[in-house]
Amino acid sequence: MKLLQICAAIALVTSSSSLMADPSLNSYSVTMKIEHGGTILAEPRMLVKAGENSKIVLQKPDGTAFSMDFSAAPTSNNAIAFNSAINFTAAAGYSYSLNPKMLVTNGEQGKIVYGSDDGLTVHPISVSFVVSDR
């Protein structure tokens, strides 16, 4: 039973588009650590095409749900544009959505954090990620 509580179903979906047909586009290796209140929910790793939308979906038996649509694309200043849309629902019933966009350096960690343990919000959600050339 305890194993069932900590297990989660993760679906990684990468859409196919005309970008897939262009071999000159970069591919990226993306590694993530998704946490809620300090508890790791998932640690997905995937390969994605530059500029193409990808999606992570996480559903736990206790009702916790997390989804993240994201893309990573090169910029003219050698950075990587990381655009995302996150939807989160906690087992306690509260939910929120956010759309963080940022520039990251190839191979360096980026981090998205929403909420804090300051008594005003309940257990922060955080996504640590590294986007690297493949």
N, C-alpha and C. Protein backbone atom coordinates (compact mmCIF):
# COMPACT_ATOMS: atom_id res chain seq x y z
N MET A 1 0.82 -1.19 0.00
CA MET A 1 0.00 0.00 0.00
C MET A 1 0.86 1.26 0.00
N LYS A 2 1.93 1.25 0.80
CA LYS A 2 2.80 2.42 0.85
C LYS A 2 3.44 2.67 -0.52
N LEU A 3 3.81 1.59 -1.22
CA LEU A 3 4.39 1.74 -2.54
C LEU A 3 3.40 2.38 -3.49
N LEU A 4 2.14 2.00 -3.41
CA LEU A 4 1.11 2.57 -4.25
C LEU A 4 0.98 4.07 -4.01
N GLN A 5 1.13 4.51 -2.77
CA GLN A 5 1.00 5.92 -2.45
C GLN A 5 2.12 6.75 -3.04
N ILE A 6 3.31 6.20 -3.15
CA ILE A 6 4.40 6.99 -3.67
C ILE A 6 4.61 6.82 -5.17
N CYS A 7 3.92 5.84 -5.75
CA CYS A 7 4.03 5.64 -7.19
C CYS A 7 3.11 6.60 -7.91
N ALA A 8 3.51 7.00 -9.08
CA ALA A 8 2.68 7.90 -9.88
C ALA A 8 2.77 7.48 -11.33
N ALA A 9 1.72 7.77 -12.04
CA ALA A 9 1.73 7.49 -13.47
C ALA A 9 2.22 8.73 -14.19
N ILE A 10 3.22 8.57 -15.00
CA ILE A 10 3.77 9.70 -15.75
C ILE A 10 3.61 9.39 -17.23
N ALA A 11 3.04 10.31 -17.92
CA ALA A 11 2.94 10.18 -19.37
C ALA A 11 3.74 11.31 -19.99
N LEU A 12 4.68 10.98 -20.83
CA LEU A 12 5.46 11.97 -21.53
C LEU A 12 5.01 11.94 -22.98
N VAL A 13 4.54 13.07 -23.45
CA VAL A 13 4.03 13.13 -24.80
C VAL A 13 4.75 14.24 -25.54
N THR A 14 5.33 13.93 -26.66
CA THR A 14 5.95 14.93 -27.51
C THR A 14 5.16 14.97 -28.81
N SER A 15 4.69 16.16 -29.17
CA SER A 15 3.88 16.26 -30.37
C SER A 15 4.75 16.17 -31.61
N SER A 16 4.15 15.70 -32.69
CA SER A 16 4.87 15.69 -33.95
C SER A 16 4.37 16.86 -34.78
N SER A 17 5.28 17.50 -35.46
CA SER A 17 4.92 18.64 -36.28
C SER A 17 5.91 18.74 -37.42
N SER A 18 5.79 19.78 -38.20
CA SER A 18 6.70 19.97 -39.32
C SER A 18 8.12 20.20 -38.83
N LEU A 19 8.31 20.60 -37.56
CA LEU A 19 9.65 20.79 -37.03
C LEU A 19 10.44 19.49 -37.03
N MET A 20 9.75 18.36 -36.86
CA MET A 20 10.42 17.07 -36.83
C MET A 20 11.10 16.78 -38.17
N ALA A 21 10.57 17.31 -39.25
CA ALA A 21 11.10 17.02 -40.57
C ALA A 21 12.38 17.81 -40.87
N ASP A 22 12.69 18.81 -40.09
CA ASP A 22 13.87 19.65 -40.33
C ASP A 22 15.03 19.15 -39.48
N PRO A 23 15.97 18.39 -40.06
CA PRO A 23 17.07 17.82 -39.28
C PRO A 23 18.07 18.86 -38.80
N SER A 24 17.97 20.10 -39.31
CA SER A 24 18.92 21.13 -38.87
C SER A 24 18.56 21.69 -37.49
N LEU A 25 17.36 21.38 -37.00
CA LEU A 25 16.96 21.89 -35.69
C LEU A 25 17.68 21.14 -34.57
N ASN A 26 17.95 21.86 -33.50
CA ASN A 26 18.60 21.24 -32.33
C ASN A 26 17.66 20.29 -31.61
N SER A 27 18.24 19.32 -30.97
CA SER A 27 17.53 18.48 -30.02
C SER A 27 18.12 18.76 -28.66
N TYR A 28 17.30 18.69 -27.64
CA TYR A 28 17.76 18.93 -26.27
C TYR A 28 17.46 17.74 -25.38
N SER A 29 18.34 17.51 -24.45
CA SER A 29 18.09 16.58 -23.36
C SER A 29 17.55 17.43 -22.21
N VAL A 30 16.40 17.04 -21.68
CA VAL A 30 15.79 17.78 -20.57
C VAL A 30 15.64 16.83 -19.39
N THR A 31 16.20 17.22 -18.26
CA THR A 31 16.01 16.46 -17.01
C THR A 31 15.30 17.38 -16.02
N MET A 32 14.39 16.81 -15.26
CA MET A 32 13.60 17.60 -14.31
C MET A 32 13.48 16.88 -12.98
N LYS A 33 13.23 17.67 -11.95
CA LYS A 33 12.82 17.14 -10.65
C LYS A 33 11.62 17.97 -10.22
N ILE A 34 10.48 17.31 -10.08
CA ILE A 34 9.22 17.98 -9.72
C ILE A 34 8.93 17.65 -8.26
N GLU A 35 8.79 18.70 -7.43
CA GLU A 35 8.57 18.52 -6.00
C GLU A 35 7.35 19.30 -5.54
N HIS A 36 6.71 18.76 -4.52
CA HIS A 36 5.60 19.46 -3.85
C HIS A 36 5.84 19.37 -2.35
N GLY A 37 6.04 20.51 -1.73
CA GLY A 37 6.29 20.54 -0.29
C GLY A 37 7.52 19.75 0.12
N GLY A 38 8.53 19.72 -0.74
CA GLY A 38 9.76 19.00 -0.42
C GLY A 38 9.73 17.51 -0.77
N THR A 39 8.59 17.00 -1.22
CA THR A 39 8.48 15.60 -1.61
C THR A 39 8.62 15.49 -3.12
N ILE A 40 9.50 14.63 -3.59
CA ILE A 40 9.69 14.46 -5.03
C ILE A 40 8.49 13.72 -5.61
N LEU A 41 7.86 14.33 -6.61
CA LEU A 41 6.73 13.70 -7.30
C LEU A 41 7.21 12.90 -8.50
N ALA A 42 8.24 13.40 -9.19
CA ALA A 42 8.75 12.71 -10.37
C ALA A 42 10.10 13.30 -10.76
N GLU A 43 10.88 12.50 -11.49
CA GLU A 43 12.17 12.96 -12.02
C GLU A 43 12.29 12.52 -13.48
N PRO A 44 11.48 13.14 -14.36
CA PRO A 44 11.49 12.72 -15.76
C PRO A 44 12.74 13.19 -16.51
N ARG A 45 13.12 12.41 -17.51
CA ARG A 45 14.21 12.74 -18.44
C ARG A 45 13.66 12.48 -19.83
N MET A 46 13.96 13.39 -20.76
CA MET A 46 13.43 13.22 -22.11
C MET A 46 14.29 13.93 -23.13
N LEU A 47 14.13 13.56 -24.38
CA LEU A 47 14.74 14.25 -25.51
C LEU A 47 13.64 15.01 -26.21
N VAL A 48 13.90 16.28 -26.52
CA VAL A 48 12.89 17.10 -27.20
C VAL A 48 13.54 17.84 -28.37
N LYS A 49 12.75 18.13 -29.38
CA LYS A 49 13.21 18.92 -30.52
C LYS A 49 13.07 20.40 -30.17
N ALA A 50 14.02 21.19 -30.61
CA ALA A 50 14.00 22.63 -30.36
C ALA A 50 12.71 23.25 -30.89
N GLY A 51 12.07 24.04 -30.05
CA GLY A 51 10.87 24.75 -30.44
C GLY A 51 9.60 23.93 -30.46
N GLU A 52 9.69 22.65 -30.26
CA GLU A 52 8.52 21.78 -30.32
C GLU A 52 7.89 21.64 -28.93
N ASN A 53 6.56 21.65 -28.86
CA ASN A 53 5.88 21.50 -27.58
C ASN A 53 5.98 20.06 -27.07
N SER A 54 6.23 19.94 -25.78
CA SER A 54 6.26 18.65 -25.09
C SER A 54 5.36 18.76 -23.87
N LYS A 55 4.97 17.62 -23.32
CA LYS A 55 4.04 17.63 -22.18
C LYS A 55 4.40 16.54 -21.19
N ILE A 56 4.29 16.87 -19.92
CA ILE A 56 4.44 15.92 -18.83
C ILE A 56 3.11 15.90 -18.08
N VAL A 57 2.59 14.71 -17.80
CA VAL A 57 1.34 14.58 -17.04
C VAL A 57 1.60 13.63 -15.89
N LEU A 58 1.23 14.03 -14.69
CA LEU A 58 1.44 13.23 -13.48
C LEU A 58 0.12 13.17 -12.73
N GLN A 59 -0.34 11.97 -12.40
CA GLN A 59 -1.57 11.78 -11.62
C GLN A 59 -1.29 10.76 -10.53
N LYS A 60 -1.44 11.16 -9.27
CA LYS A 60 -1.21 10.23 -8.17
C LYS A 60 -2.54 9.71 -7.63
N PRO A 61 -2.54 8.56 -7.00
CA PRO A 61 -3.78 7.98 -6.46
C PRO A 61 -4.48 8.88 -5.43
N ASP A 62 -3.73 9.75 -4.74
CA ASP A 62 -4.35 10.61 -3.72
C ASP A 62 -5.04 11.83 -4.30
N GLY A 63 -5.03 11.99 -5.64
CA GLY A 63 -5.68 13.13 -6.28
C GLY A 63 -4.73 14.23 -6.69
N THR A 64 -3.47 14.15 -6.29
CA THR A 64 -2.50 15.13 -6.73
C THR A 64 -2.32 15.01 -8.24
N ALA A 65 -2.39 16.15 -8.93
CA ALA A 65 -2.24 16.14 -10.39
C ALA A 65 -1.31 17.27 -10.80
N PHE A 66 -0.46 17.00 -11.77
CA PHE A 66 0.50 17.98 -12.27
C PHE A 66 0.59 17.79 -13.77
N SER A 67 0.52 18.88 -14.51
CA SER A 67 0.80 18.81 -15.94
C SER A 67 1.63 20.03 -16.32
N MET A 68 2.50 19.81 -17.28
CA MET A 68 3.38 20.89 -17.73
C MET A 68 3.59 20.75 -19.23
N ASP A 69 3.16 21.77 -19.96
CA ASP A 69 3.48 21.90 -21.38
C ASP A 69 4.70 22.79 -21.45
N PHE A 70 5.68 22.42 -22.28
CA PHE A 70 6.87 23.27 -22.35
C PHE A 70 7.54 23.15 -23.71
N SER A 71 8.36 24.15 -24.00
CA SER A 71 9.21 24.11 -25.19
C SER A 71 10.54 24.75 -24.84
N ALA A 72 11.57 24.33 -25.55
CA ALA A 72 12.91 24.88 -25.40
C ALA A 72 13.41 25.21 -26.79
N ALA A 73 13.90 26.43 -26.99
CA ALA A 73 14.35 26.85 -28.31
C ALA A 73 15.59 27.73 -28.18
N PRO A 74 16.51 27.61 -29.13
CA PRO A 74 17.71 28.44 -29.08
C PRO A 74 17.36 29.91 -29.33
N THR A 75 18.16 30.80 -28.77
CA THR A 75 17.99 32.23 -29.00
C THR A 75 19.23 32.77 -29.70
N SER A 76 19.15 33.99 -30.16
CA SER A 76 20.28 34.58 -30.88
C SER A 76 21.48 34.86 -29.97
N ASN A 77 21.26 34.90 -28.65
CA ASN A 77 22.37 35.19 -27.73
C ASN A 77 22.90 33.92 -27.05
N ASN A 78 22.75 32.76 -27.71
CA ASN A 78 23.26 31.46 -27.22
C ASN A 78 22.60 30.97 -25.94
N ALA A 79 21.48 31.55 -25.57
CA ALA A 79 20.70 31.05 -24.44
C ALA A 79 19.62 30.12 -25.00
N ILE A 80 18.87 29.53 -24.09
CA ILE A 80 17.74 28.68 -24.47
C ILE A 80 16.48 29.29 -23.87
N ALA A 81 15.49 29.57 -24.71
CA ALA A 81 14.21 30.09 -24.23
C ALA A 81 13.38 28.90 -23.76
N PHE A 82 13.01 28.90 -22.47
CA PHE A 82 12.21 27.84 -21.87
C PHE A 82 10.86 28.43 -21.53
N ASN A 83 9.83 28.00 -22.26
CA ASN A 83 8.47 28.50 -22.05
C ASN A 83 7.62 27.36 -21.54
N SER A 84 6.80 27.63 -20.52
CA SER A 84 6.01 26.56 -19.94
C SER A 84 4.64 27.03 -19.48
N ALA A 85 3.76 26.06 -19.34
CA ALA A 85 2.44 26.27 -18.75
C ALA A 85 2.23 25.12 -17.77
N ILE A 86 2.06 25.46 -16.49
CA ILE A 86 1.95 24.46 -15.43
C ILE A 86 0.56 24.52 -14.81
N ASN A 87 -0.04 23.35 -14.63
CA ASN A 87 -1.31 23.23 -13.90
C ASN A 87 -1.07 22.23 -12.78
N PHE A 88 -1.49 22.60 -11.57
CA PHE A 88 -1.26 21.74 -10.41
C PHE A 88 -2.51 21.69 -9.55
N THR A 89 -2.86 20.49 -9.10
CA THR A 89 -3.94 20.30 -8.12
C THR A 89 -3.39 19.42 -7.01
N ALA A 90 -3.49 19.89 -5.78
CA ALA A 90 -3.02 19.12 -4.62
C ALA A 90 -4.13 18.20 -4.14
N ALA A 91 -3.74 17.16 -3.41
CA ALA A 91 -4.71 16.23 -2.84
C ALA A 91 -5.70 16.96 -1.94
N ALA A 92 -5.26 18.06 -1.33
CA ALA A 92 -6.13 18.84 -0.44
C ALA A 92 -7.18 19.64 -1.20
N GLY A 93 -7.07 19.66 -2.55
CA GLY A 93 -8.11 20.29 -3.35
C GLY A 93 -7.76 21.64 -3.93
N TYR A 94 -6.75 22.32 -3.43
CA TYR A 94 -6.42 23.62 -4.02
C TYR A 94 -5.66 23.40 -5.33
N SER A 95 -5.77 24.36 -6.23
CA SER A 95 -5.10 24.23 -7.52
C SER A 95 -4.68 25.61 -8.02
N TYR A 96 -3.75 25.61 -8.94
CA TYR A 96 -3.33 26.85 -9.57
C TYR A 96 -2.66 26.55 -10.90
N SER A 97 -2.55 27.61 -11.70
CA SER A 97 -1.90 27.54 -13.00
C SER A 97 -0.91 28.69 -13.10
N LEU A 98 0.20 28.45 -13.76
CA LEU A 98 1.17 29.51 -14.01
C LEU A 98 1.85 29.27 -15.34
N ASN A 99 2.40 30.34 -15.90
CA ASN A 99 3.01 30.29 -17.23
C ASN A 99 4.40 30.92 -17.22
N PRO A 100 5.36 30.31 -16.53
CA PRO A 100 6.69 30.90 -16.47
C PRO A 100 7.45 30.76 -17.80
N LYS A 101 8.17 31.82 -18.11
CA LYS A 101 9.02 31.86 -19.30
C LYS A 101 10.36 32.41 -18.83
N MET A 102 11.44 31.79 -19.31
CA MET A 102 12.75 32.26 -18.88
C MET A 102 13.81 31.89 -19.89
N LEU A 103 14.95 32.55 -19.80
CA LEU A 103 16.12 32.19 -20.58
C LEU A 103 17.05 31.41 -19.67
N VAL A 104 17.56 30.29 -20.16
CA VAL A 104 18.48 29.48 -19.38
C VAL A 104 19.75 29.25 -20.19
N THR A 105 20.82 28.96 -19.48
CA THR A 105 22.10 28.64 -20.12
C THR A 105 22.18 27.15 -20.36
N ASN A 106 22.67 26.77 -21.51
CA ASN A 106 22.82 25.37 -21.88
C ASN A 106 23.57 24.61 -20.79
N GLY A 107 22.93 23.54 -20.25
CA GLY A 107 23.57 22.69 -19.26
C GLY A 107 23.51 23.19 -17.82
N GLU A 108 22.95 24.37 -17.59
CA GLU A 108 22.86 24.91 -16.23
C GLU A 108 21.43 24.73 -15.70
N GLN A 109 21.31 24.61 -14.40
CA GLN A 109 20.00 24.37 -13.78
C GLN A 109 19.15 25.64 -13.77
N GLY A 110 17.89 25.46 -14.12
CA GLY A 110 16.87 26.48 -13.96
C GLY A 110 15.89 25.98 -12.90
N LYS A 111 15.13 26.88 -12.29
CA LYS A 111 14.19 26.43 -11.28
C LYS A 111 12.96 27.33 -11.27
N ILE A 112 11.79 26.69 -11.22
CA ILE A 112 10.51 27.39 -11.11
C ILE A 112 9.95 27.01 -9.75
N VAL A 113 9.62 28.00 -8.93
CA VAL A 113 9.03 27.74 -7.60
C VAL A 113 7.79 28.60 -7.46
N TYR A 114 6.71 27.98 -6.99
CA TYR A 114 5.48 28.72 -6.73
C TYR A 114 5.01 28.38 -5.33
N GLY A 115 4.82 29.39 -4.51
CA GLY A 115 4.39 29.19 -3.13
C GLY A 115 5.57 29.10 -2.18
N SER A 116 5.27 29.03 -0.89
CA SER A 116 6.32 28.92 0.12
C SER A 116 5.73 28.25 1.36
N ASP A 117 6.60 27.95 2.30
CA ASP A 117 6.15 27.38 3.57
C ASP A 117 6.09 28.46 4.64
N ASP A 118 5.65 29.67 4.27
CA ASP A 118 5.63 30.79 5.20
C ASP A 118 4.31 30.92 5.96
N GLY A 119 3.41 29.96 5.80
CA GLY A 119 2.12 30.02 6.47
C GLY A 119 1.06 30.69 5.63
N LEU A 120 1.46 31.39 4.57
CA LEU A 120 0.50 32.07 3.71
C LEU A 120 0.06 31.18 2.55
N THR A 121 0.92 30.32 2.10
CA THR A 121 0.57 29.37 1.05
C THR A 121 0.89 27.98 1.56
N VAL A 122 0.31 27.00 0.92
CA VAL A 122 0.48 25.63 1.37
C VAL A 122 1.48 24.92 0.46
N HIS A 123 2.56 24.45 1.01
CA HIS A 123 3.55 23.63 0.32
C HIS A 123 3.85 24.09 -1.11
N PRO A 124 5.02 24.64 -1.33
CA PRO A 124 5.37 25.09 -2.67
C PRO A 124 5.54 23.94 -3.65
N ILE A 125 5.26 24.24 -4.91
CA ILE A 125 5.58 23.32 -6.00
C ILE A 125 6.85 23.86 -6.64
N SER A 126 7.78 22.99 -6.96
CA SER A 126 8.99 23.45 -7.64
C SER A 126 9.37 22.47 -8.74
N VAL A 127 9.92 23.04 -9.80
CA VAL A 127 10.41 22.26 -10.93
C VAL A 127 11.84 22.71 -11.19
N SER A 128 12.79 21.85 -10.89
CA SER A 128 14.19 22.10 -11.22
C SER A 128 14.44 21.40 -12.55
N PHE A 129 15.17 22.05 -13.45
CA PHE A 129 15.38 21.43 -14.76
C PHE A 129 16.72 21.85 -15.35
N VAL A 130 17.24 21.01 -16.21
CA VAL A 130 18.45 21.30 -16.96
C VAL A 130 18.14 20.97 -18.42
N VAL A 131 18.42 21.94 -19.30
CA VAL A 131 18.26 21.75 -20.73
C VAL A 131 19.67 21.76 -21.33
N SER A 132 20.03 20.67 -22.02
CA SER A 132 21.37 20.55 -22.58
C SER A 132 21.30 20.13 -24.04
N ASP A 133 22.27 20.60 -24.83
CA ASP A 133 22.36 20.11 -26.21
C ASP A 133 22.50 18.61 -26.17
N ARG A 134 21.89 17.96 -27.07
CA ARG A 134 21.92 16.50 -27.12
C ARG A 134 23.25 15.98 -27.59
